[in-house]
Amino acid sequence: MKWRADTQESTSLAQTCVVLPQSIVKKMKNYSVRMIRENMENIPQFPIPEGFAIRNYRRNEGHIWTRILQAGEPYAEIDDGLFDREFERHLSVLEDRSFYLTTDAGEEIGTITAWWQDIDGEVWGQIHWVVIHPDYQGRGLSKPMMTVAMERLKQSHERCFLGTSTGRMAAIKVYLDFGFTPDLSHENSQEAWTEVASVLEHPILARLASQNLL
């Protein structure tokens, strides 16, 4: 049985929530997967909803990033040294490439980074560390964050990728909606995406299945 994403329109923002019964979630393996976008054309545009804003990272705000991840990252262990390990070599560019989602009161409640990485000798843009505080999840707020980060990547890169895991079904739905496709060359990709396609309906997954790739 497949479970469709429920979509509602509110405040000019498409809110997407993928809800799977816990009995299904517990049976699914949480595979690490990679998704790619071969071009930066036709980036979906989602406005920032009323009551929220997105701003750039400012110098010496690593503690804010850590606080958000420690609250909202469900799988990876986030220790106080992770920010430095991730970004210390390129701190000078963070103010241009990393963003915080805030409330109108200025509280930082989400983060996303428009990063880059060398893959097989070629530089790709990277959507990196997309996290929203649990109190604000399920409101469609990741989509305007994605729009901002993708537009920044477009300024410097011709294509991009991201890493995620199959336990993050709501995030995978958002990434598919933004034109990312499964990287089927990645380890365990066949098993991982076949399992995702068994519970999540999406045109991209349906096309791959019709080509006997899943």
N, C-alpha and C. Protein backbone atom coordinates (compact mmCIF):
# COMPACT_ATOMS: atom_id res chain seq x y z
N MET A 1 0.84 -1.20 0.00
CA MET A 1 0.00 0.00 0.00
C MET A 1 0.88 1.24 0.00
N LYS A 2 0.54 2.23 -0.81
CA LYS A 2 1.30 3.46 -0.87
C LYS A 2 0.55 4.57 -0.14
N TRP A 3 1.31 5.42 0.52
CA TRP A 3 0.74 6.53 1.26
C TRP A 3 1.14 7.81 0.56
N ARG A 4 0.14 8.57 0.12
CA ARG A 4 0.39 9.80 -0.61
C ARG A 4 0.72 10.94 0.36
N ALA A 5 1.45 11.93 -0.18
CA ALA A 5 1.70 13.13 0.60
C ALA A 5 0.43 13.97 0.62
N ASP A 6 0.06 14.44 1.79
CA ASP A 6 -1.09 15.33 1.92
C ASP A 6 -0.61 16.75 1.71
N THR A 7 -1.30 17.49 0.83
CA THR A 7 -0.89 18.85 0.52
C THR A 7 -2.02 19.81 0.80
N GLN A 8 -1.71 20.90 1.52
CA GLN A 8 -2.68 21.93 1.82
C GLN A 8 -2.10 23.27 1.41
N GLU A 9 -2.97 24.21 1.02
CA GLU A 9 -2.52 25.55 0.69
C GLU A 9 -2.84 26.47 1.86
N SER A 10 -1.85 27.22 2.31
CA SER A 10 -2.05 28.14 3.42
C SER A 10 -1.05 29.26 3.32
N THR A 11 -1.53 30.51 3.40
CA THR A 11 -0.68 31.68 3.34
C THR A 11 0.24 31.64 2.11
N SER A 12 -0.34 31.27 0.97
CA SER A 12 0.39 31.21 -0.30
C SER A 12 1.57 30.26 -0.26
N LEU A 13 1.54 29.28 0.64
CA LEU A 13 2.64 28.34 0.76
C LEU A 13 2.11 26.93 0.67
N ALA A 14 2.70 26.14 -0.23
CA ALA A 14 2.31 24.73 -0.31
C ALA A 14 2.94 24.00 0.85
N GLN A 15 2.12 23.45 1.72
CA GLN A 15 2.61 22.74 2.88
C GLN A 15 2.52 21.25 2.61
N THR A 16 3.62 20.56 2.73
CA THR A 16 3.66 19.14 2.44
C THR A 16 4.01 18.36 3.68
N CYS A 17 3.19 17.38 3.99
CA CYS A 17 3.45 16.55 5.15
C CYS A 17 3.27 15.10 4.76
N VAL A 18 4.31 14.31 4.88
CA VAL A 18 4.25 12.90 4.58
C VAL A 18 4.15 12.15 5.90
N VAL A 19 3.01 11.50 6.10
CA VAL A 19 2.78 10.81 7.35
C VAL A 19 2.63 9.32 7.07
N LEU A 20 3.52 8.52 7.63
CA LEU A 20 3.46 7.08 7.48
C LEU A 20 3.12 6.46 8.83
N PRO A 21 2.30 5.41 8.84
CA PRO A 21 2.03 4.72 10.10
C PRO A 21 3.33 4.24 10.74
N GLN A 22 3.41 4.31 12.06
CA GLN A 22 4.63 3.91 12.77
C GLN A 22 5.00 2.45 12.50
N SER A 23 4.00 1.62 12.25
CA SER A 23 4.29 0.21 11.98
C SER A 23 5.11 0.06 10.71
N ILE A 24 4.89 0.95 9.73
CA ILE A 24 5.65 0.92 8.48
C ILE A 24 7.03 1.54 8.70
N VAL A 25 7.07 2.69 9.38
CA VAL A 25 8.34 3.38 9.60
C VAL A 25 9.33 2.48 10.32
N LYS A 26 8.88 1.76 11.34
CA LYS A 26 9.77 0.92 12.13
C LYS A 26 10.34 -0.24 11.32
N LYS A 27 9.61 -0.70 10.30
CA LYS A 27 10.07 -1.81 9.49
C LYS A 27 11.06 -1.38 8.41
N MET A 28 11.07 -0.09 8.07
CA MET A 28 11.92 0.39 7.00
C MET A 28 13.35 0.60 7.48
N LYS A 29 14.31 0.23 6.65
CA LYS A 29 15.70 0.52 6.95
C LYS A 29 15.98 1.99 6.65
N ASN A 30 16.87 2.59 7.40
CA ASN A 30 17.22 3.98 7.18
C ASN A 30 18.51 4.05 6.36
N TYR A 31 18.37 3.84 5.04
CA TYR A 31 19.52 3.85 4.14
C TYR A 31 20.04 5.29 3.94
N SER A 32 21.34 5.45 3.85
CA SER A 32 21.91 6.71 3.39
C SER A 32 21.81 6.75 1.87
N VAL A 33 21.34 7.87 1.34
CA VAL A 33 21.17 8.00 -0.11
C VAL A 33 21.67 9.36 -0.57
N ARG A 34 21.94 9.44 -1.87
CA ARG A 34 22.34 10.70 -2.48
C ARG A 34 21.35 11.04 -3.57
N MET A 35 21.03 12.33 -3.70
CA MET A 35 20.13 12.81 -4.74
C MET A 35 20.85 13.90 -5.53
N ILE A 36 20.60 13.94 -6.83
CA ILE A 36 21.31 14.87 -7.70
C ILE A 36 20.34 15.69 -8.54
N ARG A 37 20.80 16.87 -8.93
CA ARG A 37 20.06 17.73 -9.86
C ARG A 37 21.06 18.17 -10.91
N GLU A 38 20.84 17.76 -12.15
CA GLU A 38 21.83 17.95 -13.21
C GLU A 38 21.88 19.37 -13.74
N ASN A 39 20.93 20.21 -13.37
CA ASN A 39 20.94 21.61 -13.81
C ASN A 39 20.29 22.47 -12.74
N MET A 40 20.40 23.78 -12.89
CA MET A 40 19.84 24.71 -11.92
C MET A 40 18.70 25.51 -12.53
N GLU A 41 18.02 24.93 -13.50
CA GLU A 41 16.91 25.61 -14.15
C GLU A 41 15.61 25.35 -13.41
N ASN A 42 14.67 26.30 -13.57
CA ASN A 42 13.30 26.13 -13.06
C ASN A 42 13.27 25.76 -11.58
N ILE A 43 13.96 26.53 -10.78
CA ILE A 43 13.93 26.31 -9.33
C ILE A 43 12.55 26.70 -8.80
N PRO A 44 11.86 25.81 -8.09
CA PRO A 44 10.54 26.14 -7.54
C PRO A 44 10.63 27.35 -6.61
N GLN A 45 9.66 28.24 -6.72
CA GLN A 45 9.66 29.47 -5.93
C GLN A 45 8.58 29.40 -4.85
N PHE A 46 9.02 29.35 -3.61
CA PHE A 46 8.11 29.34 -2.47
C PHE A 46 8.40 30.55 -1.60
N PRO A 47 7.43 31.46 -1.48
CA PRO A 47 7.66 32.66 -0.67
C PRO A 47 7.76 32.34 0.81
N ILE A 48 8.44 33.19 1.52
CA ILE A 48 8.53 33.05 2.97
C ILE A 48 7.19 33.46 3.57
N PRO A 49 6.55 32.60 4.35
CA PRO A 49 5.21 32.92 4.86
C PRO A 49 5.23 34.03 5.90
N GLU A 50 4.09 34.65 6.07
CA GLU A 50 3.95 35.71 7.07
C GLU A 50 4.32 35.18 8.45
N GLY A 51 5.05 35.96 9.18
CA GLY A 51 5.46 35.56 10.52
C GLY A 51 6.85 34.98 10.60
N PHE A 52 7.50 34.84 9.42
CA PHE A 52 8.84 34.26 9.38
C PHE A 52 9.73 35.07 8.45
N ALA A 53 11.03 34.84 8.56
CA ALA A 53 12.00 35.50 7.69
C ALA A 53 13.20 34.58 7.53
N ILE A 54 14.00 34.83 6.51
CA ILE A 54 15.25 34.10 6.31
C ILE A 54 16.37 35.12 6.20
N ARG A 55 17.41 34.90 6.97
CA ARG A 55 18.57 35.79 6.95
C ARG A 55 19.86 34.99 6.79
N ASN A 56 20.91 35.68 6.42
CA ASN A 56 22.22 35.03 6.30
C ASN A 56 22.84 34.78 7.68
N TYR A 57 23.65 33.75 7.73
CA TYR A 57 24.51 33.50 8.90
C TYR A 57 25.39 34.72 9.13
N ARG A 58 25.65 35.01 10.41
CA ARG A 58 26.57 36.09 10.77
C ARG A 58 27.77 35.51 11.52
N ARG A 59 28.83 36.24 11.52
CA ARG A 59 30.07 35.77 12.12
C ARG A 59 29.86 35.33 13.58
N ASN A 60 30.49 34.22 13.93
CA ASN A 60 30.47 33.68 15.30
C ASN A 60 29.08 33.23 15.74
N GLU A 61 28.29 32.70 14.81
CA GLU A 61 26.96 32.19 15.15
C GLU A 61 26.88 30.67 15.08
N GLY A 62 28.01 30.02 15.18
CA GLY A 62 28.00 28.56 15.14
C GLY A 62 27.18 27.94 16.25
N HIS A 63 27.11 28.60 17.39
CA HIS A 63 26.33 28.07 18.51
C HIS A 63 24.85 28.02 18.18
N ILE A 64 24.37 28.94 17.34
CA ILE A 64 22.96 28.92 16.93
C ILE A 64 22.70 27.72 16.04
N TRP A 65 23.58 27.49 15.10
CA TRP A 65 23.49 26.32 14.21
C TRP A 65 23.45 25.05 15.04
N THR A 66 24.33 24.95 16.02
CA THR A 66 24.39 23.76 16.87
C THR A 66 23.10 23.58 17.66
N ARG A 67 22.57 24.67 18.19
CA ARG A 67 21.32 24.58 18.96
C ARG A 67 20.18 24.05 18.11
N ILE A 68 20.06 24.54 16.89
CA ILE A 68 18.98 24.10 16.00
C ILE A 68 19.13 22.62 15.67
N LEU A 69 20.35 22.21 15.34
CA LEU A 69 20.56 20.80 14.99
C LEU A 69 20.36 19.88 16.17
N GLN A 70 20.79 20.28 17.34
CA GLN A 70 20.61 19.43 18.51
C GLN A 70 19.13 19.24 18.84
N ALA A 71 18.32 20.23 18.50
CA ALA A 71 16.88 20.13 18.75
C ALA A 71 16.16 19.36 17.65
N GLY A 72 16.60 19.52 16.39
CA GLY A 72 15.79 19.04 15.29
C GLY A 72 16.34 17.89 14.46
N GLU A 73 17.58 17.48 14.66
CA GLU A 73 18.17 16.39 13.86
C GLU A 73 17.84 15.05 14.52
N PRO A 74 17.05 14.20 13.84
CA PRO A 74 16.55 12.98 14.49
C PRO A 74 17.51 11.79 14.47
N TYR A 75 18.52 11.80 13.63
CA TYR A 75 19.36 10.61 13.46
C TYR A 75 20.82 10.82 13.85
N ALA A 76 21.44 11.85 13.31
CA ALA A 76 22.87 12.07 13.56
C ALA A 76 23.10 12.63 14.96
N GLU A 77 24.22 12.24 15.55
CA GLU A 77 24.60 12.79 16.85
C GLU A 77 25.26 14.15 16.64
N ILE A 78 24.72 15.17 17.26
CA ILE A 78 25.22 16.53 17.09
C ILE A 78 25.94 16.96 18.37
N ASP A 79 27.26 16.99 18.32
CA ASP A 79 28.01 17.45 19.49
C ASP A 79 28.45 18.89 19.27
N ASP A 80 28.98 19.50 20.31
CA ASP A 80 29.32 20.91 20.24
C ASP A 80 30.47 21.22 19.29
N GLY A 81 31.21 20.20 18.87
CA GLY A 81 32.32 20.43 17.96
C GLY A 81 32.00 20.22 16.49
N LEU A 82 30.77 19.80 16.18
CA LEU A 82 30.44 19.47 14.79
C LEU A 82 30.54 20.68 13.87
N PHE A 83 30.06 21.83 14.31
CA PHE A 83 30.10 23.01 13.46
C PHE A 83 31.53 23.30 12.98
N ASP A 84 32.47 23.26 13.91
CA ASP A 84 33.86 23.53 13.53
C ASP A 84 34.40 22.48 12.57
N ARG A 85 34.06 21.23 12.80
CA ARG A 85 34.54 20.17 11.90
C ARG A 85 33.96 20.33 10.50
N GLU A 86 32.74 20.79 10.41
CA GLU A 86 32.09 20.94 9.11
C GLU A 86 32.59 22.17 8.35
N PHE A 87 32.83 23.27 9.07
CA PHE A 87 32.98 24.55 8.37
C PHE A 87 34.26 25.32 8.66
N GLU A 88 35.10 24.88 9.58
CA GLU A 88 36.21 25.72 10.02
C GLU A 88 37.17 26.09 8.90
N ARG A 89 37.29 25.25 7.88
CA ARG A 89 38.20 25.56 6.77
C ARG A 89 37.66 26.63 5.84
N HIS A 90 36.34 26.89 5.93
CA HIS A 90 35.73 27.84 4.99
C HIS A 90 34.81 28.83 5.71
N LEU A 91 35.19 29.23 6.92
CA LEU A 91 34.35 30.15 7.69
C LEU A 91 34.11 31.46 6.95
N SER A 92 35.04 31.86 6.11
CA SER A 92 34.94 33.16 5.44
C SER A 92 33.77 33.23 4.46
N VAL A 93 33.28 32.08 4.00
CA VAL A 93 32.19 32.10 3.02
C VAL A 93 30.84 31.77 3.64
N LEU A 94 30.80 31.44 4.92
CA LEU A 94 29.54 31.05 5.54
C LEU A 94 28.50 32.17 5.51
N GLU A 95 28.94 33.41 5.68
CA GLU A 95 28.00 34.52 5.69
C GLU A 95 27.29 34.68 4.35
N ASP A 96 27.87 34.15 3.31
CA ASP A 96 27.27 34.20 1.97
C ASP A 96 26.47 32.95 1.64
N ARG A 97 26.78 31.83 2.28
CA ARG A 97 26.22 30.56 1.85
C ARG A 97 25.33 29.86 2.88
N SER A 98 25.28 30.34 4.09
CA SER A 98 24.48 29.67 5.11
C SER A 98 23.36 30.60 5.58
N PHE A 99 22.20 30.02 5.89
CA PHE A 99 21.01 30.81 6.18
C PHE A 99 20.29 30.30 7.42
N TYR A 100 19.62 31.24 8.10
CA TYR A 100 18.76 30.88 9.23
C TYR A 100 17.32 31.29 8.92
N LEU A 101 16.41 30.39 9.23
CA LEU A 101 14.99 30.71 9.23
C LEU A 101 14.66 31.26 10.61
N THR A 102 13.98 32.41 10.66
CA THR A 102 13.67 33.04 11.94
C THR A 102 12.19 33.35 12.05
N THR A 103 11.74 33.52 13.29
CA THR A 103 10.41 34.08 13.51
C THR A 103 10.52 35.60 13.36
N ASP A 104 9.37 36.27 13.30
CA ASP A 104 9.40 37.72 13.23
C ASP A 104 10.04 38.34 14.46
N ALA A 105 10.03 37.59 15.56
CA ALA A 105 10.67 38.08 16.78
C ALA A 105 12.19 37.92 16.74
N GLY A 106 12.69 37.26 15.70
CA GLY A 106 14.13 37.11 15.54
C GLY A 106 14.70 35.81 16.05
N GLU A 107 13.86 34.90 16.54
CA GLU A 107 14.36 33.62 17.03
C GLU A 107 14.74 32.72 15.86
N GLU A 108 15.94 32.17 15.87
CA GLU A 108 16.39 31.28 14.80
C GLU A 108 15.80 29.89 15.03
N ILE A 109 15.06 29.38 14.03
CA ILE A 109 14.36 28.10 14.20
C ILE A 109 14.68 27.10 13.10
N GLY A 110 15.48 27.48 12.14
CA GLY A 110 15.84 26.57 11.06
C GLY A 110 17.14 26.99 10.40
N THR A 111 17.78 26.06 9.72
CA THR A 111 19.02 26.39 9.03
C THR A 111 19.16 25.57 7.76
N ILE A 112 19.82 26.15 6.77
CA ILE A 112 20.15 25.47 5.52
C ILE A 112 21.42 26.12 4.97
N THR A 113 22.24 25.34 4.30
CA THR A 113 23.49 25.86 3.76
C THR A 113 23.64 25.48 2.30
N ALA A 114 24.02 26.46 1.48
CA ALA A 114 24.27 26.26 0.05
C ALA A 114 25.77 26.03 -0.12
N TRP A 115 26.19 24.79 0.02
CA TRP A 115 27.60 24.43 0.11
C TRP A 115 28.11 23.89 -1.22
N TRP A 116 29.25 23.27 -1.21
CA TRP A 116 29.81 22.65 -2.41
C TRP A 116 30.70 21.49 -2.01
N GLN A 117 30.98 20.62 -2.97
CA GLN A 117 31.86 19.49 -2.71
C GLN A 117 32.43 18.97 -4.02
N ASP A 118 33.63 18.45 -3.94
CA ASP A 118 34.26 17.82 -5.09
C ASP A 118 33.81 16.37 -5.17
N ILE A 119 33.23 15.99 -6.30
CA ILE A 119 32.79 14.62 -6.53
C ILE A 119 33.49 14.10 -7.78
N ASP A 120 34.36 13.14 -7.59
CA ASP A 120 35.09 12.54 -8.71
C ASP A 120 35.80 13.60 -9.55
N GLY A 121 36.39 14.57 -8.88
CA GLY A 121 37.16 15.59 -9.58
C GLY A 121 36.35 16.74 -10.14
N GLU A 122 35.05 16.77 -9.89
CA GLU A 122 34.20 17.85 -10.37
C GLU A 122 33.50 18.51 -9.19
N VAL A 123 33.38 19.83 -9.23
CA VAL A 123 32.76 20.58 -8.14
C VAL A 123 31.25 20.65 -8.34
N TRP A 124 30.51 20.20 -7.35
CA TRP A 124 29.05 20.25 -7.35
C TRP A 124 28.58 21.17 -6.22
N GLY A 125 27.50 21.90 -6.47
CA GLY A 125 26.84 22.57 -5.37
C GLY A 125 26.19 21.54 -4.47
N GLN A 126 25.97 21.91 -3.22
CA GLN A 126 25.42 20.95 -2.26
C GLN A 126 24.41 21.62 -1.33
N ILE A 127 23.23 21.05 -1.23
CA ILE A 127 22.28 21.42 -0.18
C ILE A 127 22.71 20.67 1.07
N HIS A 128 23.00 21.42 2.14
CA HIS A 128 23.72 20.84 3.28
C HIS A 128 23.03 21.21 4.59
N TRP A 129 22.80 20.20 5.44
CA TRP A 129 22.26 20.39 6.79
C TRP A 129 20.97 21.23 6.79
N VAL A 130 19.89 20.62 6.34
CA VAL A 130 18.57 21.26 6.35
C VAL A 130 17.84 20.80 7.60
N VAL A 131 17.66 21.69 8.56
CA VAL A 131 17.05 21.30 9.84
C VAL A 131 16.12 22.41 10.31
N ILE A 132 14.95 22.02 10.80
CA ILE A 132 13.99 22.95 11.41
C ILE A 132 13.68 22.47 12.82
N HIS A 133 13.56 23.39 13.74
CA HIS A 133 13.24 23.04 15.13
C HIS A 133 11.92 22.28 15.16
N PRO A 134 11.81 21.23 15.97
CA PRO A 134 10.59 20.41 16.01
C PRO A 134 9.30 21.20 16.24
N ASP A 135 9.37 22.30 16.97
CA ASP A 135 8.16 23.09 17.24
C ASP A 135 7.59 23.71 15.97
N TYR A 136 8.39 23.77 14.91
CA TYR A 136 7.96 24.43 13.68
C TYR A 136 7.95 23.48 12.48
N GLN A 137 8.16 22.22 12.71
CA GLN A 137 8.12 21.25 11.61
C GLN A 137 6.68 20.98 11.18
N GLY A 138 6.51 20.51 9.94
CA GLY A 138 5.19 20.20 9.44
C GLY A 138 4.41 21.40 8.95
N ARG A 139 5.05 22.55 8.80
CA ARG A 139 4.38 23.76 8.33
C ARG A 139 4.81 24.17 6.92
N GLY A 140 5.56 23.32 6.25
CA GLY A 140 6.01 23.65 4.90
C GLY A 140 7.15 24.65 4.85
N LEU A 141 7.81 24.88 5.96
CA LEU A 141 8.84 25.92 6.01
C LEU A 141 10.14 25.53 5.32
N SER A 142 10.35 24.26 5.08
CA SER A 142 11.58 23.86 4.39
C SER A 142 11.58 24.29 2.93
N LYS A 143 10.41 24.46 2.34
CA LYS A 143 10.37 24.82 0.92
C LYS A 143 10.88 26.24 0.65
N PRO A 144 10.46 27.27 1.39
CA PRO A 144 11.09 28.57 1.15
C PRO A 144 12.58 28.58 1.48
N MET A 145 12.99 27.79 2.46
CA MET A 145 14.43 27.65 2.73
C MET A 145 15.14 27.06 1.53
N MET A 146 14.55 26.04 0.93
CA MET A 146 15.14 25.42 -0.25
C MET A 146 15.23 26.40 -1.41
N THR A 147 14.20 27.21 -1.60
CA THR A 147 14.23 28.19 -2.68
C THR A 147 15.42 29.14 -2.52
N VAL A 148 15.60 29.65 -1.31
CA VAL A 148 16.71 30.58 -1.04
C VAL A 148 18.06 29.91 -1.29
N ALA A 149 18.25 28.72 -0.76
CA ALA A 149 19.54 28.04 -0.90
C ALA A 149 19.81 27.64 -2.35
N MET A 150 18.78 27.18 -3.05
CA MET A 150 18.97 26.79 -4.45
C MET A 150 19.31 28.00 -5.32
N GLU A 151 18.68 29.13 -5.05
CA GLU A 151 19.01 30.34 -5.82
C GLU A 151 20.46 30.76 -5.56
N ARG A 152 20.92 30.57 -4.33
CA ARG A 152 22.33 30.89 -4.05
C ARG A 152 23.26 29.92 -4.79
N LEU A 153 22.94 28.63 -4.78
CA LEU A 153 23.76 27.66 -5.51
C LEU A 153 23.81 27.99 -7.00
N LYS A 154 22.70 28.44 -7.53
CA LYS A 154 22.63 28.75 -8.96
C LYS A 154 23.65 29.82 -9.36
N GLN A 155 23.99 30.71 -8.44
CA GLN A 155 24.95 31.77 -8.74
C GLN A 155 26.36 31.22 -8.99
N SER A 156 26.66 30.05 -8.44
CA SER A 156 28.04 29.54 -8.49
C SER A 156 28.19 28.17 -9.12
N HIS A 157 27.09 27.46 -9.32
CA HIS A 157 27.18 26.07 -9.74
C HIS A 157 26.16 25.75 -10.84
N GLU A 158 26.52 24.80 -11.67
CA GLU A 158 25.63 24.38 -12.76
C GLU A 158 24.80 23.17 -12.39
N ARG A 159 25.12 22.51 -11.29
CA ARG A 159 24.38 21.35 -10.83
C ARG A 159 24.64 21.18 -9.34
N CYS A 160 23.84 20.34 -8.71
CA CYS A 160 23.99 20.19 -7.27
C CYS A 160 23.53 18.82 -6.81
N PHE A 161 23.82 18.52 -5.56
CA PHE A 161 23.44 17.24 -4.98
C PHE A 161 23.15 17.44 -3.50
N LEU A 162 22.66 16.39 -2.86
CA LEU A 162 22.48 16.41 -1.41
C LEU A 162 22.54 14.98 -0.91
N GLY A 163 22.83 14.84 0.36
CA GLY A 163 22.78 13.54 1.02
C GLY A 163 21.66 13.54 2.03
N THR A 164 20.95 12.43 2.12
CA THR A 164 19.86 12.31 3.09
C THR A 164 19.74 10.84 3.45
N SER A 165 18.65 10.46 4.07
CA SER A 165 18.43 9.05 4.38
C SER A 165 16.96 8.73 4.24
N THR A 166 16.66 7.46 4.01
CA THR A 166 15.29 7.08 3.65
C THR A 166 14.33 7.17 4.82
N GLY A 167 14.84 7.35 6.04
CA GLY A 167 13.95 7.58 7.16
C GLY A 167 13.35 8.97 7.17
N ARG A 168 13.90 9.85 6.36
CA ARG A 168 13.43 11.24 6.30
C ARG A 168 12.47 11.40 5.13
N MET A 169 11.33 10.75 5.20
CA MET A 169 10.44 10.69 4.05
C MET A 169 9.89 12.06 3.65
N ALA A 170 9.57 12.90 4.62
CA ALA A 170 9.06 14.23 4.30
C ALA A 170 10.11 15.05 3.56
N ALA A 171 11.36 14.93 3.99
CA ALA A 171 12.44 15.66 3.32
C ALA A 171 12.64 15.14 1.90
N ILE A 172 12.59 13.83 1.72
CA ILE A 172 12.74 13.26 0.38
C ILE A 172 11.66 13.78 -0.55
N LYS A 173 10.43 13.87 -0.05
CA LYS A 173 9.34 14.41 -0.87
C LYS A 173 9.65 15.84 -1.31
N VAL A 174 10.15 16.67 -0.41
CA VAL A 174 10.51 18.04 -0.76
C VAL A 174 11.61 18.06 -1.81
N TYR A 175 12.63 17.24 -1.64
CA TYR A 175 13.75 17.23 -2.59
C TYR A 175 13.30 16.75 -3.97
N LEU A 176 12.43 15.77 -4.01
CA LEU A 176 11.87 15.34 -5.29
C LEU A 176 11.09 16.47 -5.94
N ASP A 177 10.31 17.20 -5.15
CA ASP A 177 9.54 18.33 -5.67
C ASP A 177 10.46 19.42 -6.22
N PHE A 178 11.68 19.51 -5.71
CA PHE A 178 12.63 20.50 -6.20
C PHE A 178 13.50 19.98 -7.34
N GLY A 179 13.12 18.84 -7.90
CA GLY A 179 13.79 18.34 -9.09
C GLY A 179 15.00 17.47 -8.85
N PHE A 180 15.27 17.11 -7.61
CA PHE A 180 16.35 16.17 -7.34
C PHE A 180 15.90 14.75 -7.67
N THR A 181 16.81 13.96 -8.20
CA THR A 181 16.50 12.58 -8.53
C THR A 181 17.46 11.64 -7.80
N PRO A 182 17.05 10.41 -7.57
CA PRO A 182 17.94 9.46 -6.89
C PRO A 182 19.22 9.23 -7.68
N ASP A 183 20.34 9.22 -6.98
CA ASP A 183 21.62 8.83 -7.57
C ASP A 183 21.71 7.31 -7.44
N LEU A 184 21.40 6.62 -8.51
CA LEU A 184 21.33 5.16 -8.46
C LEU A 184 22.70 4.49 -8.51
N SER A 185 23.76 5.30 -8.62
CA SER A 185 25.10 4.73 -8.56
C SER A 185 25.61 4.64 -7.12
N HIS A 186 24.88 5.23 -6.22
CA HIS A 186 25.30 5.25 -4.82
C HIS A 186 25.09 3.89 -4.18
N GLU A 187 25.88 3.57 -3.18
CA GLU A 187 25.81 2.27 -2.52
C GLU A 187 24.41 2.00 -1.97
N ASN A 188 23.91 0.79 -2.21
CA ASN A 188 22.60 0.34 -1.74
C ASN A 188 21.43 1.12 -2.34
N SER A 189 21.69 1.85 -3.44
CA SER A 189 20.64 2.71 -3.98
C SER A 189 19.43 1.94 -4.48
N GLN A 190 19.65 0.80 -5.12
CA GLN A 190 18.54 0.02 -5.66
C GLN A 190 17.58 -0.39 -4.55
N GLU A 191 18.13 -0.98 -3.49
CA GLU A 191 17.28 -1.42 -2.38
C GLU A 191 16.61 -0.22 -1.70
N ALA A 192 17.38 0.83 -1.50
CA ALA A 192 16.87 2.00 -0.78
C ALA A 192 15.71 2.65 -1.51
N TRP A 193 15.89 2.92 -2.80
CA TRP A 193 14.85 3.65 -3.53
C TRP A 193 13.67 2.77 -3.89
N THR A 194 13.89 1.48 -4.04
CA THR A 194 12.75 0.58 -4.23
C THR A 194 11.86 0.61 -3.00
N GLU A 195 12.47 0.65 -1.83
CA GLU A 195 11.69 0.72 -0.59
C GLU A 195 10.96 2.06 -0.47
N VAL A 196 11.63 3.15 -0.82
CA VAL A 196 10.97 4.46 -0.79
C VAL A 196 9.78 4.48 -1.73
N ALA A 197 9.98 3.98 -2.96
CA ALA A 197 8.91 3.98 -3.95
C ALA A 197 7.74 3.10 -3.56
N SER A 198 7.98 2.15 -2.67
CA SER A 198 6.88 1.27 -2.24
C SER A 198 5.92 1.97 -1.29
N VAL A 199 6.34 3.08 -0.71
CA VAL A 199 5.47 3.77 0.25
C VAL A 199 5.20 5.23 -0.12
N LEU A 200 5.95 5.78 -1.07
CA LEU A 200 5.78 7.18 -1.44
C LEU A 200 5.53 7.31 -2.93
N GLU A 201 4.40 7.89 -3.30
CA GLU A 201 4.09 8.11 -4.71
C GLU A 201 4.64 9.45 -5.15
N HIS A 202 5.40 9.44 -6.24
CA HIS A 202 5.92 10.68 -6.81
C HIS A 202 6.22 10.41 -8.28
N PRO A 203 5.96 11.39 -9.17
CA PRO A 203 6.21 11.17 -10.61
C PRO A 203 7.63 10.76 -10.93
N ILE A 204 8.61 11.30 -10.24
CA ILE A 204 10.00 10.93 -10.52
C ILE A 204 10.25 9.47 -10.20
N LEU A 205 9.73 9.00 -9.07
CA LEU A 205 9.90 7.60 -8.71
C LEU A 205 9.12 6.69 -9.65
N ALA A 206 7.93 7.14 -10.06
CA ALA A 206 7.13 6.34 -10.99
C ALA A 206 7.84 6.19 -12.33
N ARG A 207 8.50 7.27 -12.78
CA ARG A 207 9.23 7.20 -14.05
C ARG A 207 10.38 6.22 -13.96
N LEU A 208 11.12 6.26 -12.87
CA LEU A 208 12.23 5.33 -12.70
C LEU A 208 11.75 3.89 -12.64
N ALA A 209 10.62 3.69 -11.97
CA ALA A 209 10.06 2.34 -11.89
C ALA A 209 9.62 1.85 -13.26
N SER A 210 9.05 2.76 -14.08
CA SER A 210 8.61 2.36 -15.42
C SER A 210 9.77 1.99 -16.32
N GLN A 211 10.96 2.50 -15.99
CA GLN A 211 12.17 2.18 -16.75
C GLN A 211 12.92 0.98 -16.15
N ASN A 212 12.25 0.32 -15.21
CA ASN A 212 12.83 -0.85 -14.52
C ASN A 212 14.12 -0.53 -13.79
N LEU A 213 14.23 0.72 -13.33
CA LEU A 213 15.40 1.12 -12.56
C LEU A 213 15.17 0.95 -11.06
N LEU A 214 13.91 0.77 -10.69
CA LEU A 214 13.58 0.51 -9.29
C LEU A 214 12.82 -0.81 -9.20
